Amino acid sequence: MTNYLQDEEDRINDRLTRSKRNSVKLGNAKTHLYTVALDDEQFLQVAKKAAIRNVTFNQMVNMTLLKNLKDDEQFENSSQLLNEG
């Protein structure tokens, strides 16, 4: 006779095992605290962009900060040719 409860438990365990294998493990997240001052116009622009992307205001601020930090890193790491006359 078949044990249906055991079969169901086995299927659940298989699903959990597969999802653990396929999951992405990220490194330790670093947390930083920033104080950002925005005037009313800047706040409105960021809020509109957040609404368009369907994210929260805080998420949009974080995305903007990360993008600008990455751009700064690329600028600092790029070699520059300086011609002096």
PDB file of N, CA and C in Angstrom:
ATOM      1  N   MET A   1       0.843  -1.181   0.000  1.00  0.00           N
ATOM      2  CA  MET A   1       0.000   0.000   0.000  1.00  0.00           C
ATOM      3  C   MET A   1       0.891   1.249   0.000  1.00  0.00           C
ATOM      4  N   THR A   2       0.471   2.274  -0.730  1.00  0.00           N
ATOM      5  CA  THR A   2       1.263   3.483  -0.899  1.00  0.00           C
ATOM      6  C   THR A   2       1.035   4.434   0.271  1.00  0.00           C
ATOM      7  N   ASN A   3       2.143   5.037   0.712  1.00  0.00           N
ATOM      8  CA  ASN A   3       2.054   6.011   1.792  1.00  0.00           C
ATOM      9  C   ASN A   3       2.042   7.397   1.157  1.00  0.00           C
ATOM     10  N   TYR A   4       0.834   7.950   0.979  1.00  0.00           N
ATOM     11  CA  TYR A   4       0.688   9.231   0.287  1.00  0.00           C
ATOM     12  C   TYR A   4       1.312  10.380   1.072  1.00  0.00           C
ATOM     13  N   LEU A   5       1.251  10.334   2.378  1.00  0.00           N
ATOM     14  CA  LEU A   5       1.837  11.390   3.193  1.00  0.00           C
ATOM     15  C   LEU A   5       3.353  11.434   3.007  1.00  0.00           C
ATOM     16  N   GLN A   6       3.976  10.269   2.994  1.00  0.00           N
ATOM     17  CA  GLN A   6       5.428  10.215   2.787  1.00  0.00           C
ATOM     18  C   GLN A   6       5.809  10.706   1.395  1.00  0.00           C
ATOM     19  N   ASP A   7       5.006  10.351   0.387  1.00  0.00           N
ATOM     20  CA  ASP A   7       5.264  10.820  -0.975  1.00  0.00           C
ATOM     21  C   ASP A   7       5.191  12.343  -1.055  1.00  0.00           C
ATOM     22  N   GLU A   8       4.191  12.926  -0.407  1.00  0.00           N
ATOM     23  CA  GLU A   8       4.051  14.377  -0.424  1.00  0.00           C
ATOM     24  C   GLU A   8       5.227  15.040   0.287  1.00  0.00           C
ATOM     25  N   GLU A   9       5.667  14.508   1.399  1.00  0.00           N
ATOM     26  CA  GLU A   9       6.823  15.042   2.117  1.00  0.00           C
ATOM     27  C   GLU A   9       8.085  14.953   1.263  1.00  0.00           C
ATOM     28  N   ASP A  10       8.244  13.864   0.547  1.00  0.00           N
ATOM     29  CA  ASP A  10       9.397  13.717  -0.339  1.00  0.00           C
ATOM     30  C   ASP A  10       9.385  14.769  -1.450  1.00  0.00           C
ATOM     31  N   ARG A  11       8.198  15.028  -2.020  1.00  0.00           N
ATOM     32  CA  ARG A  11       8.094  16.047  -3.071  1.00  0.00           C
ATOM     33  C   ARG A  11       8.442  17.435  -2.526  1.00  0.00           C
ATOM     34  N   ILE A  12       7.970  17.737  -1.331  1.00  0.00           N
ATOM     35  CA  ILE A  12       8.269  19.036  -0.719  1.00  0.00           C
ATOM     36  C   ILE A  12       9.765  19.155  -0.467  1.00  0.00           C
ATOM     37  N   ASN A  13      10.389  18.110   0.055  1.00  0.00           N
ATOM     38  CA  ASN A  13      11.835  18.130   0.300  1.00  0.00           C
ATOM     39  C   ASN A  13      12.620  18.286  -0.999  1.00  0.00           C
ATOM     40  N   ASP A  14      12.172  17.621  -2.054  1.00  0.00           N
ATOM     41  CA  ASP A  14      12.833  17.756  -3.356  1.00  0.00           C
ATOM     42  C   ASP A  14      12.756  19.188  -3.859  1.00  0.00           C
ATOM     43  N   ARG A  15      11.585  19.817  -3.730  1.00  0.00           N
ATOM     44  CA  ARG A  15      11.427  21.205  -4.166  1.00  0.00           C
ATOM     45  C   ARG A  15      12.342  22.125  -3.378  1.00  0.00           C
ATOM     46  N   LEU A  16      12.405  21.924  -2.074  1.00  0.00           N
ATOM     47  CA  LEU A  16      13.272  22.761  -1.240  1.00  0.00           C
ATOM     48  C   LEU A  16      14.736  22.583  -1.604  1.00  0.00           C
ATOM     49  N   THR A  17      15.142  21.352  -1.844  1.00  0.00           N
ATOM     50  CA  THR A  17      16.528  21.075  -2.211  1.00  0.00           C
ATOM     51  C   THR A  17      16.872  21.727  -3.544  1.00  0.00           C
ATOM     52  N   ARG A  18      15.965  21.626  -4.523  1.00  0.00           N
ATOM     53  CA  ARG A  18      16.203  22.252  -5.830  1.00  0.00           C
ATOM     54  C   ARG A  18      16.270  23.765  -5.728  1.00  0.00           C
ATOM     55  N   SER A  19      15.395  24.344  -4.909  1.00  0.00           N
ATOM     56  CA  SER A  19      15.405  25.808  -4.792  1.00  0.00           C
ATOM     57  C   SER A  19      16.668  26.287  -4.095  1.00  0.00           C
ATOM     58  N   LYS A  20      17.209  25.505  -3.173  1.00  0.00           N
ATOM     59  CA  LYS A  20      18.449  25.889  -2.506  1.00  0.00           C
ATOM     60  C   LYS A  20      19.626  25.823  -3.477  1.00  0.00           C
ATOM     61  N   ARG A  21      19.638  24.847  -4.369  1.00  0.00           N
ATOM     62  CA  ARG A  21      20.711  24.723  -5.344  1.00  0.00           C
ATOM     63  C   ARG A  21      20.686  25.859  -6.357  1.00  0.00           C
ATOM     64  N   ASN A  22      19.479  26.309  -6.724  1.00  0.00           N
ATOM     65  CA  ASN A  22      19.344  27.330  -7.749  1.00  0.00           C
ATOM     66  C   ASN A  22      19.387  28.742  -7.193  1.00  0.00           C
ATOM     67  N   SER A  23      19.416  28.878  -5.886  1.00  0.00           N
ATOM     68  CA  SER A  23      19.389  30.219  -5.311  1.00  0.00           C
ATOM     69  C   SER A  23      20.755  30.879  -5.454  1.00  0.00           C
ATOM     70  N   VAL A  24      20.738  32.174  -5.462  1.00  0.00           N
ATOM     71  CA  VAL A  24      21.953  32.961  -5.587  1.00  0.00           C
ATOM     72  C   VAL A  24      22.325  33.465  -4.207  1.00  0.00           C
ATOM     73  N   LYS A  25      23.557  33.228  -3.815  1.00  0.00           N
ATOM     74  CA  LYS A  25      24.015  33.705  -2.522  1.00  0.00           C
ATOM     75  C   LYS A  25      24.883  34.931  -2.746  1.00  0.00           C
ATOM     76  N   LEU A  26      24.484  36.003  -2.132  1.00  0.00           N
ATOM     77  CA  LEU A  26      25.230  37.238  -2.260  1.00  0.00           C
ATOM     78  C   LEU A  26      26.171  37.382  -1.082  1.00  0.00           C
ATOM     79  N   GLY A  27      27.208  38.160  -1.270  1.00  0.00           N
ATOM     80  CA  GLY A  27      28.155  38.406  -0.196  1.00  0.00           C
ATOM     81  C   GLY A  27      27.502  39.205   0.920  1.00  0.00           C
ATOM     82  N   ASN A  28      28.239  39.431   1.946  1.00  0.00           N
ATOM     83  CA  ASN A  28      27.707  40.198   3.057  1.00  0.00           C
ATOM     84  C   ASN A  28      27.381  41.603   2.580  1.00  0.00           C
ATOM     85  N   ALA A  29      26.154  42.001   2.847  1.00  0.00           N
ATOM     86  CA  ALA A  29      25.732  43.336   2.437  1.00  0.00           C
ATOM     87  C   ALA A  29      26.373  44.371   3.352  1.00  0.00           C
ATOM     88  N   LYS A  30      26.857  45.410   2.751  1.00  0.00           N
ATOM     89  CA  LYS A  30      27.447  46.497   3.523  1.00  0.00           C
ATOM     90  C   LYS A  30      26.398  47.584   3.682  1.00  0.00           C
ATOM     91  N   THR A  31      26.292  48.102   4.856  1.00  0.00           N
ATOM     92  CA  THR A  31      25.326  49.147   5.134  1.00  0.00           C
ATOM     93  C   THR A  31      26.053  50.446   5.396  1.00  0.00           C
ATOM     94  N   HIS A  32      25.587  51.484   4.767  1.00  0.00           N
ATOM     95  CA  HIS A  32      26.162  52.803   4.952  1.00  0.00           C
ATOM     96  C   HIS A  32      25.035  53.765   5.280  1.00  0.00           C
ATOM     97  N   LEU A  33      25.352  54.793   6.011  1.00  0.00           N
ATOM     98  CA  LEU A  33      24.374  55.812   6.365  1.00  0.00           C
ATOM     99  C   LEU A  33      24.763  57.114   5.696  1.00  0.00           C
ATOM    100  N   TYR A  34      23.852  57.665   4.911  1.00  0.00           N
ATOM    101  CA  TYR A  34      24.086  58.924   4.222  1.00  0.00           C
ATOM    102  C   TYR A  34      22.983  59.904   4.603  1.00  0.00           C
ATOM    103  N   THR A  35      23.336  61.150   4.695  1.00  0.00           N
ATOM    104  CA  THR A  35      22.356  62.204   4.871  1.00  0.00           C
ATOM    105  C   THR A  35      22.291  62.975   3.566  1.00  0.00           C
ATOM    106  N   VAL A  36      21.106  63.017   2.985  1.00  0.00           N
ATOM    107  CA  VAL A  36      20.923  63.655   1.690  1.00  0.00           C
ATOM    108  C   VAL A  36      19.943  64.809   1.861  1.00  0.00           C
ATOM    109  N   ALA A  37      20.346  65.974   1.415  1.00  0.00           N
ATOM    110  CA  ALA A  37      19.469  67.148   1.473  1.00  0.00           C
ATOM    111  C   ALA A  37      18.932  67.429   0.076  1.00  0.00           C
ATOM    112  N   LEU A  38      17.615  67.440  -0.058  1.00  0.00           N
ATOM    113  CA  LEU A  38      16.960  67.713  -1.336  1.00  0.00           C
ATOM    114  C   LEU A  38      16.035  68.905  -1.176  1.00  0.00           C
ATOM    115  N   ASP A  39      16.054  69.791  -2.159  1.00  0.00           N
ATOM    116  CA  ASP A  39      15.051  70.856  -2.127  1.00  0.00           C
ATOM    117  C   ASP A  39      13.746  70.287  -2.686  1.00  0.00           C
ATOM    118  N   ASP A  40      12.699  71.074  -2.675  1.00  0.00           N
ATOM    119  CA  ASP A  40      11.375  70.588  -3.091  1.00  0.00           C
ATOM    120  C   ASP A  40      11.359  70.105  -4.536  1.00  0.00           C
ATOM    121  N   GLU A  41      12.050  70.825  -5.415  1.00  0.00           N
ATOM    122  CA  GLU A  41      12.073  70.450  -6.833  1.00  0.00           C
ATOM    123  C   GLU A  41      12.796  69.116  -7.042  1.00  0.00           C
ATOM    124  N   GLN A  42      13.920  68.936  -6.377  1.00  0.00           N
ATOM    125  CA  GLN A  42      14.659  67.675  -6.481  1.00  0.00           C
ATOM    126  C   GLN A  42      13.843  66.525  -5.913  1.00  0.00           C
ATOM    127  N   PHE A  43      13.181  66.763  -4.791  1.00  0.00           N
ATOM    128  CA  PHE A  43      12.337  65.731  -4.193  1.00  0.00           C
ATOM    129  C   PHE A  43      11.245  65.302  -5.161  1.00  0.00           C
ATOM    130  N   LEU A  44      10.607  66.280  -5.803  1.00  0.00           N
ATOM    131  CA  LEU A  44       9.536  65.985  -6.748  1.00  0.00           C
ATOM    132  C   LEU A  44      10.056  65.179  -7.935  1.00  0.00           C
ATOM    133  N   GLN A  45      11.236  65.524  -8.453  1.00  0.00           N
ATOM    134  CA  GLN A  45      11.805  64.785  -9.575  1.00  0.00           C
ATOM    135  C   GLN A  45      12.096  63.336  -9.206  1.00  0.00           C
ATOM    136  N   VAL A  46      12.687  63.126  -8.032  1.00  0.00           N
ATOM    137  CA  VAL A  46      12.998  61.763  -7.599  1.00  0.00           C
ATOM    138  C   VAL A  46      11.706  60.984  -7.347  1.00  0.00           C
ATOM    139  N   ALA A  47      10.712  61.626  -6.751  1.00  0.00           N
ATOM    140  CA  ALA A  47       9.437  60.956  -6.479  1.00  0.00           C
ATOM    141  C   ALA A  47       8.741  60.554  -7.776  1.00  0.00           C
ATOM    142  N   LYS A  48       8.798  61.415  -8.798  1.00  0.00           N
ATOM    143  CA  LYS A  48       8.196  61.076 -10.091  1.00  0.00           C
ATOM    144  C   LYS A  48       8.914  59.902 -10.743  1.00  0.00           C
ATOM    145  N   LYS A  49      10.245  59.899 -10.700  1.00  0.00           N
ATOM    146  CA  LYS A  49      11.003  58.776 -11.272  1.00  0.00           C
ATOM    147  C   LYS A  49      10.685  57.478 -10.535  1.00  0.00           C
ATOM    148  N   ALA A  50      10.523  57.565  -9.215  1.00  0.00           N
ATOM    149  CA  ALA A  50      10.187  56.376  -8.435  1.00  0.00           C
ATOM    150  C   ALA A  50       8.810  55.853  -8.826  1.00  0.00           C
ATOM    151  N   ALA A  51       7.862  56.750  -9.036  1.00  0.00           N
ATOM    152  CA  ALA A  51       6.514  56.337  -9.428  1.00  0.00           C
ATOM    153  C   ALA A  51       6.524  55.683 -10.805  1.00  0.00           C
ATOM    154  N   ILE A  52       7.318  56.226 -11.717  1.00  0.00           N
ATOM    155  CA  ILE A  52       7.404  55.642 -13.066  1.00  0.00           C
ATOM    156  C   ILE A  52       7.977  54.237 -13.006  1.00  0.00           C
ATOM    157  N   ARG A  53       9.000  54.042 -12.169  1.00  0.00           N
ATOM    158  CA  ARG A  53       9.643  52.722 -12.052  1.00  0.00           C
ATOM    159  C   ARG A  53       8.925  51.792 -11.081  1.00  0.00           C
ATOM    160  N   ASN A  54       7.877  52.301 -10.430  1.00  0.00           N
ATOM    161  CA  ASN A  54       7.085  51.521  -9.483  1.00  0.00           C
ATOM    162  C   ASN A  54       7.936  51.013  -8.314  1.00  0.00           C
ATOM    163  N   VAL A  55       8.751  51.912  -7.763  1.00  0.00           N
ATOM    164  CA  VAL A  55       9.561  51.616  -6.580  1.00  0.00           C
ATOM    165  C   VAL A  55       9.287  52.704  -5.545  1.00  0.00           C
ATOM    166  N   THR A  56       9.735  52.473  -4.324  1.00  0.00           N
ATOM    167  CA  THR A  56       9.544  53.475  -3.289  1.00  0.00           C
ATOM    168  C   THR A  56      10.536  54.617  -3.477  1.00  0.00           C
ATOM    169  N   PHE A  57      10.252  55.713  -2.799  1.00  0.00           N
ATOM    170  CA  PHE A  57      11.146  56.876  -2.865  1.00  0.00           C
ATOM    171  C   PHE A  57      12.534  56.500  -2.368  1.00  0.00           C
ATOM    172  N   ASN A  58      12.615  55.786  -1.239  1.00  0.00           N
ATOM    173  CA  ASN A  58      13.913  55.391  -0.680  1.00  0.00           C
ATOM    174  C   ASN A  58      14.684  54.488  -1.635  1.00  0.00           C
ATOM    175  N   GLN A  59      14.000  53.556  -2.284  1.00  0.00           N
ATOM    176  CA  GLN A  59      14.665  52.684  -3.243  1.00  0.00           C
ATOM    177  C   GLN A  59      15.221  53.497  -4.408  1.00  0.00           C
ATOM    178  N   MET A  60      14.471  54.493  -4.855  1.00  0.00           N
ATOM    179  CA  MET A  60      14.939  55.331  -5.968  1.00  0.00           C
ATOM    180  C   MET A  60      16.158  56.137  -5.557  1.00  0.00           C
ATOM    181  N   VAL A  61      16.162  56.663  -4.339  1.00  0.00           N
ATOM    182  CA  VAL A  61      17.327  57.406  -3.847  1.00  0.00           C
ATOM    183  C   VAL A  61      18.534  56.483  -3.793  1.00  0.00           C
ATOM    184  N   ASN A  62      18.349  55.257  -3.274  1.00  0.00           N
ATOM    185  CA  ASN A  62      19.456  54.294  -3.207  1.00  0.00           C
ATOM    186  C   ASN A  62      19.975  53.944  -4.590  1.00  0.00           C
ATOM    187  N   MET A  63      19.069  53.729  -5.549  1.00  0.00           N
ATOM    188  CA  MET A  63      19.489  53.408  -6.910  1.00  0.00           C
ATOM    189  C   MET A  63      20.296  54.550  -7.509  1.00  0.00           C
ATOM    190  N   THR A  64      19.857  55.778  -7.266  1.00  0.00           N
ATOM    191  CA  THR A  64      20.548  56.947  -7.796  1.00  0.00           C
ATOM    192  C   THR A  64      21.935  57.083  -7.183  1.00  0.00           C
ATOM    193  N   LEU A  65      22.019  56.902  -5.864  1.00  0.00           N
ATOM    194  CA  LEU A  65      23.314  56.991  -5.192  1.00  0.00           C
ATOM    195  C   LEU A  65      24.270  55.920  -5.702  1.00  0.00           C
ATOM    196  N   LEU A  66      23.795  54.683  -5.826  1.00  0.00           N
ATOM    197  CA  LEU A  66      24.653  53.597  -6.298  1.00  0.00           C
ATOM    198  C   LEU A  66      25.137  53.855  -7.722  1.00  0.00           C
ATOM    199  N   LYS A  67      24.241  54.339  -8.579  1.00  0.00           N
ATOM    200  CA  LYS A  67      24.628  54.622  -9.966  1.00  0.00           C
ATOM    201  C   LYS A  67      25.716  55.691  -9.995  1.00  0.00           C
ATOM    202  N   ASN A  68      25.542  56.743  -9.216  1.00  0.00           N
ATOM    203  CA  ASN A  68      26.521  57.820  -9.207  1.00  0.00           C
ATOM    204  C   ASN A  68      27.842  57.371  -8.600  1.00  0.00           C
ATOM    205  N   LEU A  69      27.795  56.519  -7.585  1.00  0.00           N
ATOM    206  CA  LEU A  69      29.029  56.003  -7.003  1.00  0.00           C
ATOM    207  C   LEU A  69      29.788  55.141  -8.001  1.00  0.00           C
ATOM    208  N   LYS A  70      29.064  54.311  -8.759  1.00  0.00           N
ATOM    209  CA  LYS A  70      29.709  53.472  -9.774  1.00  0.00           C
ATOM    210  C   LYS A  70      30.310  54.327 -10.883  1.00  0.00           C
ATOM    211  N   ASP A  71      29.584  55.374 -11.288  1.00  0.00           N
ATOM    212  CA  ASP A  71      30.111  56.282 -12.316  1.00  0.00           C
ATOM    213  C   ASP A  71      31.385  56.958 -11.830  1.00  0.00           C
ATOM    214  N   ASP A  72      31.400  57.365 -10.549  1.00  0.00           N
ATOM    215  CA  ASP A  72      32.595  58.002  -9.987  1.00  0.00           C
ATOM    216  C   ASP A  72      33.772  57.039  -9.958  1.00  0.00           C
ATOM    217  N   GLU A  73      33.512  55.771  -9.604  1.00  0.00           N
ATOM    218  CA  GLU A  73      34.585  54.770  -9.575  1.00  0.00           C
ATOM    219  C   GLU A  73      35.164  54.563 -10.963  1.00  0.00           C
ATOM    220  N   GLN A  74      34.318  54.497 -11.972  1.00  0.00           N
ATOM    221  CA  GLN A  74      34.798  54.304 -13.336  1.00  0.00           C
ATOM    222  C   GLN A  74      35.609  55.506 -13.782  1.00  0.00           C
ATOM    223  N   PHE A  75      35.189  56.698 -13.405  1.00  0.00           N
ATOM    224  CA  PHE A  75      35.915  57.897 -13.783  1.00  0.00           C
ATOM    225  C   PHE A  75      37.286  57.927 -13.115  1.00  0.00           C
ATOM    226  N   GLU A  76      37.344  57.533 -11.837  1.00  0.00           N
ATOM    227  CA  GLU A  76      38.613  57.537 -11.113  1.00  0.00           C
ATOM    228  C   GLU A  76      39.569  56.479 -11.645  1.00  0.00           C
ATOM    229  N   ASN A  77      39.044  55.353 -12.096  1.00  0.00           N
ATOM    230  CA  ASN A  77      39.885  54.255 -12.562  1.00  0.00           C
ATOM    231  C   ASN A  77      40.280  54.386 -14.030  1.00  0.00           C
ATOM    232  N   SER A  78      39.649  55.280 -14.761  1.00  0.00           N
ATOM    233  CA  SER A  78      39.986  55.414 -16.179  1.00  0.00           C
ATOM    234  C   SER A  78      41.258  56.241 -16.323  1.00  0.00           C
ATOM    235  N   SER A  79      42.055  55.876 -17.303  1.00  0.00           N
ATOM    236  CA  SER A  79      43.285  56.634 -17.542  1.00  0.00           C
ATOM    237  C   SER A  79      42.946  57.869 -18.358  1.00  0.00           C
ATOM    238  N   GLN A  80      43.664  58.936 -18.099  1.00  0.00           N
ATOM    239  CA  GLN A  80      43.406  60.175 -18.780  1.00  0.00           C
ATOM    240  C   GLN A  80      44.670  60.667 -19.459  1.00  0.00           C
ATOM    241  N   LEU A  81      44.509  61.248 -20.630  1.00  0.00           N
ATOM    242  CA  LEU A  81      45.623  61.826 -21.353  1.00  0.00           C
ATOM    243  C   LEU A  81      45.573  63.331 -21.141  1.00  0.00           C
ATOM    244  N   LEU A  82      46.607  63.852 -20.561  1.00  0.00           N
ATOM    245  CA  LEU A  82      46.675  65.288 -20.314  1.00  0.00           C
ATOM    246  C   LEU A  82      47.726  65.894 -21.233  1.00  0.00           C
ATOM    247  N   ASN A  83      47.292  66.796 -22.067  1.00  0.00           N
ATOM    248  CA  ASN A  83      48.207  67.520 -22.958  1.00  0.00           C
ATOM    249  C   ASN A  83      48.477  68.890 -22.367  1.00  0.00           C
ATOM    250  N   GLU A  84      49.713  69.158 -22.098  1.00  0.00           N
ATOM    251  CA  GLU A  84      50.079  70.470 -21.577  1.00  0.00           C
ATOM    252  C   GLU A  84      50.789  71.234 -22.667  1.00  0.00           C
ATOM    253  N   GLY A  85      50.420  72.496 -22.798  1.00  0.00           N
ATOM    254  CA  GLY A  85      51.004  73.269 -23.879  1.00  0.00           C
ATOM    255  C   GLY A  85      51.876  74.396 -23.412  1.00  0.00           C
TER     256      GLY A  85
END
